[in-house]
Amino acid sequence: MLVLAGLGLWALWRRRADWRLRWTIVPALVVWTALAWLVFLAAWGWHYQVPTLETRLTIAPAALTPQTGTRFAAMTVRALNRDHAAAHAAGWPTRAAMPIVLAPHLARVLPALGVSWTPAWPVPRETLIDPYFRWAGIDGMTNPFGLDVVLNSRALPIEVPALTAHEYAHLAGFADESDASVVAWLACRDGGPPLRYSAALAVLPHLVAGLPGPLRRSVLDGLDEGPRADLRAIAARLDEQRPWVHALAWQTYDRFLKANRVGEGVARYDAVARVLIAAADPVTGRLRRVPSQWPPAPGR
């Protein structure tokens, strides 16, 4: 869509002196925009109509209490404390290695979630609009037209495994942001200490976000200095955000999600906590039950 917009602006610039065309250029841009939107819907947008894992797992509100949330968050803190030294000692896989590192774990996780095919896993790359990513606080994105993955160039090595797995989940058809985070958690928990540690760092903020203040503080007080330092490093990276760019980017994305029937908008990112708390085993790193089949079997 950015390419099409650029071509449209280039055409306007080339014809800027021909005012007789002023009434034909605008309709042409409308047509090209509409065509781009139809291509997007065909290539990617229909994924938003797939029921989320939260729906397919029939998560009941009774499973989501401050007590269950605190228990899962506390176990995540203990996992961070346990894996910190081993993860840092093993070293972090490079971006170029991500397809090789994550592929076997995704191959084990995806079939249990109803994905019977294997996408091509591209090497995460940087983007020409990386300054915008930094200023807007965007960690990564899946290109729905080229089916490639771009990551914020400043993303830390400790973040890259979970961020890449999240974007790979989008490529596997999980358009919902919380679903992609659940898939990333499951895939990374299936790996060694660096992957497990990255996944725990990624979900901890979502897990504690819904807890009452005193419970949140009691959970975070259990963090050792190593994980605390890593969380501070991530926070320092996010300080590069420009408030007005961040607000504009996320308000736009929020409207986009709601236009695609994602009622919670960007709040869907935090729904990963609901799925994990209600349906995941923090010890084994697996879901305790299998989500209902999608598409439904014939006759159902």
C-alpha atoms as a PDB file:
ATOM      1  CA  MET A   1       0.000   0.000   0.000  1.00  0.00           C
ATOM      2  CA  LEU A   2       2.923   2.318   0.679  1.00  0.00           C
ATOM      3  CA  VAL A   3       4.250   1.580  -2.804  1.00  0.00           C
ATOM      4  CA  LEU A   4       0.882   2.331  -4.381  1.00  0.00           C
ATOM      5  CA  ALA A   5       0.602   5.552  -2.399  1.00  0.00           C
ATOM      6  CA  GLY A   6       4.090   6.530  -3.558  1.00  0.00           C
ATOM      7  CA  LEU A   7       3.197   5.834  -7.178  1.00  0.00           C
ATOM      8  CA  GLY A   8       0.076   7.941  -6.808  1.00  0.00           C
ATOM      9  CA  LEU A   9       2.034  10.864  -5.394  1.00  0.00           C
ATOM     10  CA  TRP A  10       4.619  10.501  -8.158  1.00  0.00           C
ATOM     11  CA  ALA A  11       1.849  10.622 -10.783  1.00  0.00           C
ATOM     12  CA  LEU A  12       0.420  13.755  -9.175  1.00  0.00           C
ATOM     13  CA  TRP A  13       3.848  15.407  -9.228  1.00  0.00           C
ATOM     14  CA  ARG A  14       4.414  14.522 -12.890  1.00  0.00           C
ATOM     15  CA  ARG A  15       1.069  16.036 -13.851  1.00  0.00           C
ATOM     16  CA  ARG A  16       1.101  18.949 -11.461  1.00  0.00           C
ATOM     17  CA  ALA A  17       1.075  21.500 -14.300  1.00  0.00           C
ATOM     18  CA  ASP A  18      -1.804  19.908 -16.192  1.00  0.00           C
ATOM     19  CA  TRP A  19      -4.728  21.347 -14.275  1.00  0.00           C
ATOM     20  CA  ARG A  20      -7.131  19.955 -16.870  1.00  0.00           C
ATOM     21  CA  LEU A  21      -6.530  16.518 -15.320  1.00  0.00           C
ATOM     22  CA  ARG A  22      -7.357  17.617 -11.810  1.00  0.00           C
ATOM     23  CA  TRP A  23     -10.801  16.008 -11.945  1.00  0.00           C
ATOM     24  CA  THR A  24      -9.491  12.698 -13.301  1.00  0.00           C
ATOM     25  CA  ILE A  25      -6.591  12.232 -10.891  1.00  0.00           C
ATOM     26  CA  VAL A  26      -8.708  12.093  -7.749  1.00  0.00           C
ATOM     27  CA  PRO A  27     -11.070   9.363  -9.044  1.00  0.00           C
ATOM     28  CA  ALA A  28      -8.046   7.404 -10.265  1.00  0.00           C
ATOM     29  CA  LEU A  29      -6.482   7.538  -6.802  1.00  0.00           C
ATOM     30  CA  VAL A  30      -9.754   6.383  -5.271  1.00  0.00           C
ATOM     31  CA  VAL A  31      -9.868   3.442  -7.670  1.00  0.00           C
ATOM     32  CA  TRP A  32      -6.243   2.465  -6.978  1.00  0.00           C
ATOM     33  CA  THR A  33      -6.825   2.708  -3.220  1.00  0.00           C
ATOM     34  CA  ALA A  34      -9.907   0.519  -3.517  1.00  0.00           C
ATOM     35  CA  LEU A  35      -7.970  -2.035  -5.577  1.00  0.00           C
ATOM     36  CA  ALA A  36      -5.163  -2.066  -3.003  1.00  0.00           C
ATOM     37  CA  TRP A  37      -7.718  -2.679  -0.253  1.00  0.00           C
ATOM     38  CA  LEU A  38      -9.270  -5.590  -2.197  1.00  0.00           C
ATOM     39  CA  VAL A  39      -5.825  -7.119  -2.707  1.00  0.00           C
ATOM     40  CA  PHE A  40      -5.173  -6.748   1.026  1.00  0.00           C
ATOM     41  CA  LEU A  41      -8.461  -8.459   1.896  1.00  0.00           C
ATOM     42  CA  ALA A  42      -7.708 -11.323  -0.477  1.00  0.00           C
ATOM     43  CA  ALA A  43      -4.112 -11.771   0.720  1.00  0.00           C
ATOM     44  CA  TRP A  44      -4.550 -11.169   4.431  1.00  0.00           C
ATOM     45  CA  GLY A  45      -7.686  -9.405   5.666  1.00  0.00           C
ATOM     46  CA  TRP A  46      -9.855 -12.528   5.686  1.00  0.00           C
ATOM     47  CA  HIS A  47      -7.708 -13.901   8.529  1.00  0.00           C
ATOM     48  CA  TYR A  48      -9.422 -11.397  10.838  1.00  0.00           C
ATOM     49  CA  GLN A  49     -12.654 -13.351  10.414  1.00  0.00           C
ATOM     50  CA  VAL A  50     -11.161 -16.517  11.928  1.00  0.00           C
ATOM     51  CA  PRO A  51     -12.325 -17.113  15.536  1.00  0.00           C
ATOM     52  CA  THR A  52      -9.598 -16.302  18.029  1.00  0.00           C
ATOM     53  CA  LEU A  53      -7.941 -18.888  20.250  1.00  0.00           C
ATOM     54  CA  GLU A  54      -9.756 -17.287  23.163  1.00  0.00           C
ATOM     55  CA  THR A  55     -13.052 -18.171  21.461  1.00  0.00           C
ATOM     56  CA  ARG A  56     -11.954 -21.609  20.271  1.00  0.00           C
ATOM     57  CA  LEU A  57     -10.761 -22.494  23.781  1.00  0.00           C
ATOM     58  CA  THR A  58     -14.108 -21.329  25.277  1.00  0.00           C
ATOM     59  CA  ILE A  59     -12.388 -19.459  28.076  1.00  0.00           C
ATOM     60  CA  ALA A  60     -14.781 -18.811  30.940  1.00  0.00           C
ATOM     61  CA  PRO A  61     -14.577 -15.581  32.966  1.00  0.00           C
ATOM     62  CA  ALA A  62     -14.477 -17.692  36.134  1.00  0.00           C
ATOM     63  CA  ALA A  63     -11.009 -18.895  35.127  1.00  0.00           C
ATOM     64  CA  LEU A  64      -9.687 -15.335  35.181  1.00  0.00           C
ATOM     65  CA  THR A  65      -9.346 -14.127  38.749  1.00  0.00           C
ATOM     66  CA  PRO A  66      -6.695 -12.020  40.494  1.00  0.00           C
ATOM     67  CA  GLN A  67      -5.522 -15.219  42.149  1.00  0.00           C
ATOM     68  CA  THR A  68      -5.063 -17.212  38.938  1.00  0.00           C
ATOM     69  CA  GLY A  69      -3.451 -14.217  37.247  1.00  0.00           C
ATOM     70  CA  THR A  70      -1.069 -13.668  40.140  1.00  0.00           C
ATOM     71  CA  ARG A  71      -0.132 -17.344  40.197  1.00  0.00           C
ATOM     72  CA  PHE A  72       0.719 -17.438  36.486  1.00  0.00           C
ATOM     73  CA  ALA A  73       2.634 -14.136  36.634  1.00  0.00           C
ATOM     74  CA  ALA A  74       4.599 -15.299  39.690  1.00  0.00           C
ATOM     75  CA  MET A  75       5.557 -18.528  37.921  1.00  0.00           C
ATOM     76  CA  THR A  76       6.685 -16.481  34.934  1.00  0.00           C
ATOM     77  CA  VAL A  77       8.885 -14.401  37.241  1.00  0.00           C
ATOM     78  CA  ARG A  78      10.405 -17.574  38.669  1.00  0.00           C
ATOM     79  CA  ALA A  79      11.065 -18.828  35.133  1.00  0.00           C
ATOM     80  CA  LEU A  80      12.850 -15.578  34.291  1.00  0.00           C
ATOM     81  CA  ASN A  81      14.989 -15.823  37.412  1.00  0.00           C
ATOM     82  CA  ARG A  82      15.810 -19.462  36.661  1.00  0.00           C
ATOM     83  CA  ASP A  83      16.654 -19.038  32.957  1.00  0.00           C
ATOM     84  CA  HIS A  84      18.451 -15.690  33.075  1.00  0.00           C
ATOM     85  CA  ALA A  85      21.993 -16.947  33.597  1.00  0.00           C
ATOM     86  CA  ALA A  86      21.681 -19.900  31.209  1.00  0.00           C
ATOM     87  CA  ALA A  87      20.056 -17.781  28.498  1.00  0.00           C
ATOM     88  CA  HIS A  88      22.744 -15.109  28.634  1.00  0.00           C
ATOM     89  CA  ALA A  89      25.504 -17.720  28.783  1.00  0.00           C
ATOM     90  CA  ALA A  90      24.154 -19.567  25.725  1.00  0.00           C
ATOM     91  CA  GLY A  91      23.971 -16.376  23.692  1.00  0.00           C
ATOM     92  CA  TRP A  92      21.153 -15.035  21.596  1.00  0.00           C
ATOM     93  CA  PRO A  93      20.437 -16.381  18.121  1.00  0.00           C
ATOM     94  CA  THR A  94      20.983 -13.844  15.367  1.00  0.00           C
ATOM     95  CA  ARG A  95      18.192 -12.530  13.198  1.00  0.00           C
ATOM     96  CA  ALA A  96      19.612 -14.463  10.257  1.00  0.00           C
ATOM     97  CA  ALA A  97      19.311 -17.682  12.267  1.00  0.00           C
ATOM     98  CA  MET A  98      15.692 -17.153  13.277  1.00  0.00           C
ATOM     99  CA  PRO A  99      14.112 -19.335  10.544  1.00  0.00           C
ATOM    100  CA  ILE A 100      16.367 -22.263  11.474  1.00  0.00           C
ATOM    101  CA  VAL A 101      16.029 -21.747  15.231  1.00  0.00           C
ATOM    102  CA  LEU A 102      12.248 -21.322  15.355  1.00  0.00           C
ATOM    103  CA  ALA A 103      11.109 -23.642  12.539  1.00  0.00           C
ATOM    104  CA  PRO A 104      11.211 -26.962  14.481  1.00  0.00           C
ATOM    105  CA  HIS A 105       9.357 -25.483  17.451  1.00  0.00           C
ATOM    106  CA  LEU A 106       6.660 -23.922  15.270  1.00  0.00           C
ATOM    107  CA  ALA A 107       6.370 -27.261  13.433  1.00  0.00           C
ATOM    108  CA  ARG A 108       5.439 -28.904  16.736  1.00  0.00           C
ATOM    109  CA  VAL A 109       3.112 -26.155  17.953  1.00  0.00           C
ATOM    110  CA  LEU A 110       1.090 -25.213  14.865  1.00  0.00           C
ATOM    111  CA  PRO A 111      -0.566 -28.594  14.126  1.00  0.00           C
ATOM    112  CA  ALA A 112      -2.045 -28.660  17.639  1.00  0.00           C
ATOM    113  CA  LEU A 113      -3.639 -25.286  16.873  1.00  0.00           C
ATOM    114  CA  GLY A 114      -5.187 -26.463  13.620  1.00  0.00           C
ATOM    115  CA  VAL A 115      -2.542 -25.273  11.150  1.00  0.00           C
ATOM    116  CA  SER A 116      -1.831 -28.148   8.771  1.00  0.00           C
ATOM    117  CA  TRP A 117       0.532 -26.310   6.425  1.00  0.00           C
ATOM    118  CA  THR A 118       3.991 -24.817   6.901  1.00  0.00           C
ATOM    119  CA  PRO A 119       4.663 -21.251   5.745  1.00  0.00           C
ATOM    120  CA  ALA A 120       8.050 -20.134   4.491  1.00  0.00           C
ATOM    121  CA  TRP A 121       9.863 -18.466   7.360  1.00  0.00           C
ATOM    122  CA  PRO A 122      11.737 -15.382   6.094  1.00  0.00           C
ATOM    123  CA  VAL A 123      14.760 -13.854   7.779  1.00  0.00           C
ATOM    124  CA  PRO A 124      13.552 -10.781   9.730  1.00  0.00           C
ATOM    125  CA  ARG A 125      14.916  -7.684   8.076  1.00  0.00           C
ATOM    126  CA  GLU A 126      15.065  -3.973   8.750  1.00  0.00           C
ATOM    127  CA  THR A 127      12.944  -1.433   6.921  1.00  0.00           C
ATOM    128  CA  LEU A 128      13.546   1.900   5.224  1.00  0.00           C
ATOM    129  CA  ILE A 129      10.990   3.423   7.590  1.00  0.00           C
ATOM    130  CA  ASP A 130      12.882   2.202  10.656  1.00  0.00           C
ATOM    131  CA  PRO A 131      12.989   5.725  12.212  1.00  0.00           C
ATOM    132  CA  TYR A 132       9.189   5.704  12.121  1.00  0.00           C
ATOM    133  CA  PHE A 133       9.187   2.288  13.846  1.00  0.00           C
ATOM    134  CA  ARG A 134      11.404   3.673  16.601  1.00  0.00           C
ATOM    135  CA  TRP A 135       9.398   6.855  17.075  1.00  0.00           C
ATOM    136  CA  ALA A 136       6.042   5.038  16.983  1.00  0.00           C
ATOM    137  CA  GLY A 137       7.110   2.223  19.300  1.00  0.00           C
ATOM    138  CA  ILE A 138       6.502  -0.472  16.667  1.00  0.00           C
ATOM    139  CA  ASP A 139       8.584  -3.576  17.355  1.00  0.00           C
ATOM    140  CA  GLY A 140       7.785  -5.489  14.194  1.00  0.00           C
ATOM    141  CA  MET A 141       5.390  -5.989  11.322  1.00  0.00           C
ATOM    142  CA  THR A 142       4.349  -8.647   8.840  1.00  0.00           C
ATOM    143  CA  ASN A 143       4.022  -7.347   5.294  1.00  0.00           C
ATOM    144  CA  PRO A 144       0.656  -8.708   4.068  1.00  0.00           C
ATOM    145  CA  PHE A 145       1.630  -8.232   0.411  1.00  0.00           C
ATOM    146  CA  GLY A 146       5.207  -9.503   0.327  1.00  0.00           C
ATOM    147  CA  LEU A 147       4.726 -11.920   3.276  1.00  0.00           C
ATOM    148  CA  ASP A 148       8.007 -10.894   4.827  1.00  0.00           C
ATOM    149  CA  VAL A 149       8.836  -9.783   8.366  1.00  0.00           C
ATOM    150  CA  VAL A 150      10.455  -6.534   9.451  1.00  0.00           C
ATOM    151  CA  LEU A 151      11.710  -5.782  12.944  1.00  0.00           C
ATOM    152  CA  ASN A 152      12.687  -2.576  14.684  1.00  0.00           C
ATOM    153  CA  SER A 153      16.461  -2.267  14.228  1.00  0.00           C
ATOM    154  CA  ARG A 154      16.869  -1.341  17.898  1.00  0.00           C
ATOM    155  CA  ALA A 155      15.066  -4.444  19.201  1.00  0.00           C
ATOM    156  CA  LEU A 156      17.421  -6.066  21.706  1.00  0.00           C
ATOM    157  CA  PRO A 157      18.819  -9.589  21.169  1.00  0.00           C
ATOM    158  CA  ILE A 158      16.798 -10.763  24.184  1.00  0.00           C
ATOM    159  CA  GLU A 159      13.613  -9.583  22.437  1.00  0.00           C
ATOM    160  CA  VAL A 160      14.244 -10.870  18.920  1.00  0.00           C
ATOM    161  CA  PRO A 161      13.197 -14.544  19.388  1.00  0.00           C
ATOM    162  CA  ALA A 162       9.764 -13.691  20.823  1.00  0.00           C
ATOM    163  CA  LEU A 163       9.212 -10.804  18.399  1.00  0.00           C
ATOM    164  CA  THR A 164      10.116 -12.964  15.410  1.00  0.00           C
ATOM    165  CA  ALA A 165       7.954 -15.860  16.587  1.00  0.00           C
ATOM    166  CA  HIS A 166       5.051 -13.410  16.968  1.00  0.00           C
ATOM    167  CA  GLU A 167       5.424 -12.255  13.363  1.00  0.00           C
ATOM    168  CA  TYR A 168       5.860 -15.836  12.129  1.00  0.00           C
ATOM    169  CA  ALA A 169       2.557 -16.660  13.825  1.00  0.00           C
ATOM    170  CA  HIS A 170       0.931 -13.954  11.706  1.00  0.00           C
ATOM    171  CA  LEU A 171       2.377 -15.629   8.599  1.00  0.00           C
ATOM    172  CA  ALA A 172       0.804 -18.902   9.778  1.00  0.00           C
ATOM    173  CA  GLY A 173      -2.621 -17.217   9.655  1.00  0.00           C
ATOM    174  CA  PHE A 174      -3.018 -15.902  13.208  1.00  0.00           C
ATOM    175  CA  ALA A 175      -3.981 -12.313  12.426  1.00  0.00           C
ATOM    176  CA  ASP A 176      -5.187 -11.621  15.968  1.00  0.00           C
ATOM    177  CA  GLU A 177      -2.425  -9.993  18.024  1.00  0.00           C
ATOM    178  CA  SER A 178      -3.094 -12.006  21.161  1.00  0.00           C
ATOM    179  CA  ASP A 179      -3.183 -15.253  19.167  1.00  0.00           C
ATOM    180  CA  ALA A 180       0.192 -14.428  17.608  1.00  0.00           C
ATOM    181  CA  SER A 181       1.625 -13.810  21.085  1.00  0.00           C
ATOM    182  CA  VAL A 182       0.208 -17.119  22.361  1.00  0.00           C
ATOM    183  CA  VAL A 183       1.780 -18.977  19.427  1.00  0.00           C
ATOM    184  CA  ALA A 184       5.089 -17.202  20.056  1.00  0.00           C
ATOM    185  CA  TRP A 185       4.991 -18.154  23.749  1.00  0.00           C
ATOM    186  CA  LEU A 186       4.229 -21.795  22.948  1.00  0.00           C
ATOM    187  CA  ALA A 187       6.949 -22.013  20.284  1.00  0.00           C
ATOM    188  CA  CYS A 188       9.624 -20.325  22.381  1.00  0.00           C
ATOM    189  CA  ARG A 189       8.744 -22.335  25.490  1.00  0.00           C
ATOM    190  CA  ASP A 190       9.410 -25.419  23.355  1.00  0.00           C
ATOM    191  CA  GLY A 191      13.020 -24.265  22.907  1.00  0.00           C
ATOM    192  CA  GLY A 192      16.069 -23.769  25.094  1.00  0.00           C
ATOM    193  CA  PRO A 193      16.805 -21.099  27.714  1.00  0.00           C
ATOM    194  CA  PRO A 194      17.292 -18.142  25.303  1.00  0.00           C
ATOM    195  CA  LEU A 195      13.930 -18.750  23.622  1.00  0.00           C
ATOM    196  CA  ARG A 196      12.114 -19.458  26.903  1.00  0.00           C
ATOM    197  CA  TYR A 197      13.589 -16.363  28.494  1.00  0.00           C
ATOM    198  CA  SER A 198      12.619 -14.151  25.549  1.00  0.00           C
ATOM    199  CA  ALA A 199       9.046 -15.466  25.653  1.00  0.00           C
ATOM    200  CA  ALA A 200       8.719 -14.858  29.399  1.00  0.00           C
ATOM    201  CA  LEU A 201      10.051 -11.304  29.053  1.00  0.00           C
ATOM    202  CA  ALA A 202       7.523 -10.651  26.277  1.00  0.00           C
ATOM    203  CA  VAL A 203       4.426 -11.794  28.165  1.00  0.00           C
ATOM    204  CA  LEU A 204       5.224 -10.579  31.688  1.00  0.00           C
ATOM    205  CA  PRO A 205       4.055  -6.965  31.064  1.00  0.00           C
ATOM    206  CA  HIS A 206       0.732  -8.281  29.716  1.00  0.00           C
ATOM    207  CA  LEU A 207       0.323 -10.665  32.652  1.00  0.00           C
ATOM    208  CA  VAL A 208       0.794  -7.994  35.321  1.00  0.00           C
ATOM    209  CA  ALA A 209      -1.142  -5.267  33.468  1.00  0.00           C
ATOM    210  CA  GLY A 210      -4.496  -6.645  34.608  1.00  0.00           C
ATOM    211  CA  LEU A 211      -3.529  -7.227  38.236  1.00  0.00           C
ATOM    212  CA  PRO A 212      -4.520  -4.855  41.046  1.00  0.00           C
ATOM    213  CA  GLY A 213      -1.676  -2.580  42.113  1.00  0.00           C
ATOM    214  CA  PRO A 214      -0.632  -4.410  45.306  1.00  0.00           C
ATOM    215  CA  LEU A 215      -0.618  -7.793  43.576  1.00  0.00           C
ATOM    216  CA  ARG A 216       1.323  -6.380  40.625  1.00  0.00           C
ATOM    217  CA  ARG A 217       3.968  -4.979  42.951  1.00  0.00           C
ATOM    218  CA  SER A 218       4.237  -8.218  44.922  1.00  0.00           C
ATOM    219  CA  VAL A 219       4.815 -10.189  41.699  1.00  0.00           C
ATOM    220  CA  LEU A 220       7.419  -7.778  40.314  1.00  0.00           C
ATOM    221  CA  ASP A 221       9.201  -7.653  43.671  1.00  0.00           C
ATOM    222  CA  GLY A 222      10.115 -11.295  43.052  1.00  0.00           C
ATOM    223  CA  LEU A 223      12.303 -10.447  40.056  1.00  0.00           C
ATOM    224  CA  ASP A 224      16.042 -10.930  40.482  1.00  0.00           C
ATOM    225  CA  GLU A 225      18.400  -8.169  39.395  1.00  0.00           C
ATOM    226  CA  GLY A 226      19.258  -9.874  36.077  1.00  0.00           C
ATOM    227  CA  PRO A 227      15.725  -9.851  34.639  1.00  0.00           C
ATOM    228  CA  ARG A 228      15.160  -6.389  36.131  1.00  0.00           C
ATOM    229  CA  ALA A 229      18.178  -5.086  34.216  1.00  0.00           C
ATOM    230  CA  ASP A 230      16.863  -6.609  30.990  1.00  0.00           C
ATOM    231  CA  LEU A 231      13.438  -5.029  31.488  1.00  0.00           C
ATOM    232  CA  ARG A 232      15.125  -1.680  32.154  1.00  0.00           C
ATOM    233  CA  ALA A 233      17.100  -2.055  28.912  1.00  0.00           C
ATOM    234  CA  ILE A 234      13.865  -2.679  26.999  1.00  0.00           C
ATOM    235  CA  ALA A 235      12.269   0.361  28.653  1.00  0.00           C
ATOM    236  CA  ALA A 236      15.287   2.475  27.677  1.00  0.00           C
ATOM    237  CA  ARG A 237      14.884   1.375  24.060  1.00  0.00           C
ATOM    238  CA  LEU A 238      11.229   2.352  24.126  1.00  0.00           C
ATOM    239  CA  ASP A 239      12.194   5.805  25.373  1.00  0.00           C
ATOM    240  CA  GLU A 240      13.082   6.620  21.753  1.00  0.00           C
ATOM    241  CA  GLN A 241       9.370   6.973  21.067  1.00  0.00           C
ATOM    242  CA  ARG A 242       8.027  10.371  20.072  1.00  0.00           C
ATOM    243  CA  PRO A 243       4.711  10.786  21.923  1.00  0.00           C
ATOM    244  CA  TRP A 244       2.782  12.329  19.037  1.00  0.00           C
ATOM    245  CA  VAL A 245       4.066   9.758  16.516  1.00  0.00           C
ATOM    246  CA  HIS A 246       3.280   6.917  18.925  1.00  0.00           C
ATOM    247  CA  ALA A 247      -0.222   8.233  19.569  1.00  0.00           C
ATOM    248  CA  LEU A 248      -0.977   8.715  15.871  1.00  0.00           C
ATOM    249  CA  ALA A 249       0.360   5.280  14.897  1.00  0.00           C
ATOM    250  CA  TRP A 250      -1.518   3.367  17.568  1.00  0.00           C
ATOM    251  CA  GLN A 251      -4.750   5.301  17.144  1.00  0.00           C
ATOM    252  CA  THR A 252      -4.609   4.522  13.432  1.00  0.00           C
ATOM    253  CA  TYR A 253      -3.935   0.840  14.082  1.00  0.00           C
ATOM    254  CA  ASP A 254      -6.699   0.758  16.670  1.00  0.00           C
ATOM    255  CA  ARG A 255      -9.177   2.071  14.085  1.00  0.00           C
ATOM    256  CA  PHE A 256      -7.870  -0.397  11.507  1.00  0.00           C
ATOM    257  CA  LEU A 257      -8.417  -3.357  13.847  1.00  0.00           C
ATOM    258  CA  LYS A 258     -11.897  -2.206  14.807  1.00  0.00           C
ATOM    259  CA  ALA A 259     -12.759  -1.744  11.128  1.00  0.00           C
ATOM    260  CA  ASN A 260     -11.793  -5.413  10.707  1.00  0.00           C
ATOM    261  CA  ARG A 261     -14.189  -6.492  13.485  1.00  0.00           C
ATOM    262  CA  VAL A 262     -11.560  -6.659  16.226  1.00  0.00           C
ATOM    263  CA  GLY A 263     -13.713  -4.925  18.805  1.00  0.00           C
ATOM    264  CA  GLU A 264     -10.978  -4.447  21.408  1.00  0.00           C
ATOM    265  CA  GLY A 265      -8.619  -2.798  18.922  1.00  0.00           C
ATOM    266  CA  VAL A 266      -5.035  -2.595  20.151  1.00  0.00           C
ATOM    267  CA  ALA A 267      -6.179  -3.813  23.572  1.00  0.00           C
ATOM    268  CA  ARG A 268      -6.128  -7.286  21.996  1.00  0.00           C
ATOM    269  CA  TYR A 269      -2.390  -7.388  22.743  1.00  0.00           C
ATOM    270  CA  ASP A 270      -3.231  -7.849  26.437  1.00  0.00           C
ATOM    271  CA  ALA A 271      -5.660 -10.696  25.682  1.00  0.00           C
ATOM    272  CA  VAL A 272      -2.648 -13.014  25.528  1.00  0.00           C
ATOM    273  CA  ALA A 273      -2.739 -12.921  29.326  1.00  0.00           C
ATOM    274  CA  ARG A 274      -6.329 -14.198  29.389  1.00  0.00           C
ATOM    275  CA  VAL A 275      -5.515 -17.158  27.140  1.00  0.00           C
ATOM    276  CA  LEU A 276      -2.345 -18.133  28.990  1.00  0.00           C
ATOM    277  CA  ILE A 277      -3.833 -17.762  32.471  1.00  0.00           C
ATOM    278  CA  ALA A 278      -6.946 -19.767  31.616  1.00  0.00           C
ATOM    279  CA  ALA A 279      -5.576 -22.422  29.270  1.00  0.00           C
ATOM    280  CA  ALA A 280      -1.771 -22.742  29.468  1.00  0.00           C
ATOM    281  CA  ASP A 281       0.465 -24.698  31.789  1.00  0.00           C
ATOM    282  CA  PRO A 282       3.345 -22.436  32.892  1.00  0.00           C
ATOM    283  CA  VAL A 283       5.441 -25.473  33.849  1.00  0.00           C
ATOM    284  CA  THR A 284       5.221 -27.508  30.643  1.00  0.00           C
ATOM    285  CA  GLY A 285       4.749 -24.525  28.325  1.00  0.00           C
ATOM    286  CA  ARG A 286       1.773 -26.156  26.614  1.00  0.00           C
ATOM    287  CA  LEU A 287      -1.950 -25.578  26.409  1.00  0.00           C
ATOM    288  CA  ARG A 288      -3.953 -27.749  28.794  1.00  0.00           C
ATOM    289  CA  ARG A 289      -6.613 -28.397  26.144  1.00  0.00           C
ATOM    290  CA  VAL A 290      -6.870 -28.359  22.379  1.00  0.00           C
ATOM    291  CA  PRO A 291      -8.782 -25.486  20.735  1.00  0.00           C
ATOM    292  CA  SER A 292     -11.852 -26.402  18.738  1.00  0.00           C
ATOM    293  CA  GLN A 293     -11.271 -27.181  15.088  1.00  0.00           C
ATOM    294  CA  TRP A 294     -11.296 -24.399  12.517  1.00  0.00           C
ATOM    295  CA  PRO A 295     -12.737 -24.551   9.961  1.00  0.00           C
ATOM    296  CA  PRO A 296     -15.348 -26.790  11.593  1.00  0.00           C
ATOM    297  CA  ALA A 297     -15.530 -30.350  10.360  1.00  0.00           C
ATOM    298  CA  PRO A 298     -18.213 -30.988   7.696  1.00  0.00           C
ATOM    299  CA  GLY A 299     -21.613 -31.586   9.236  1.00  0.00           C
ATOM    300  CA  ARG A 300     -20.975 -29.485  12.348  1.00  0.00           C
END
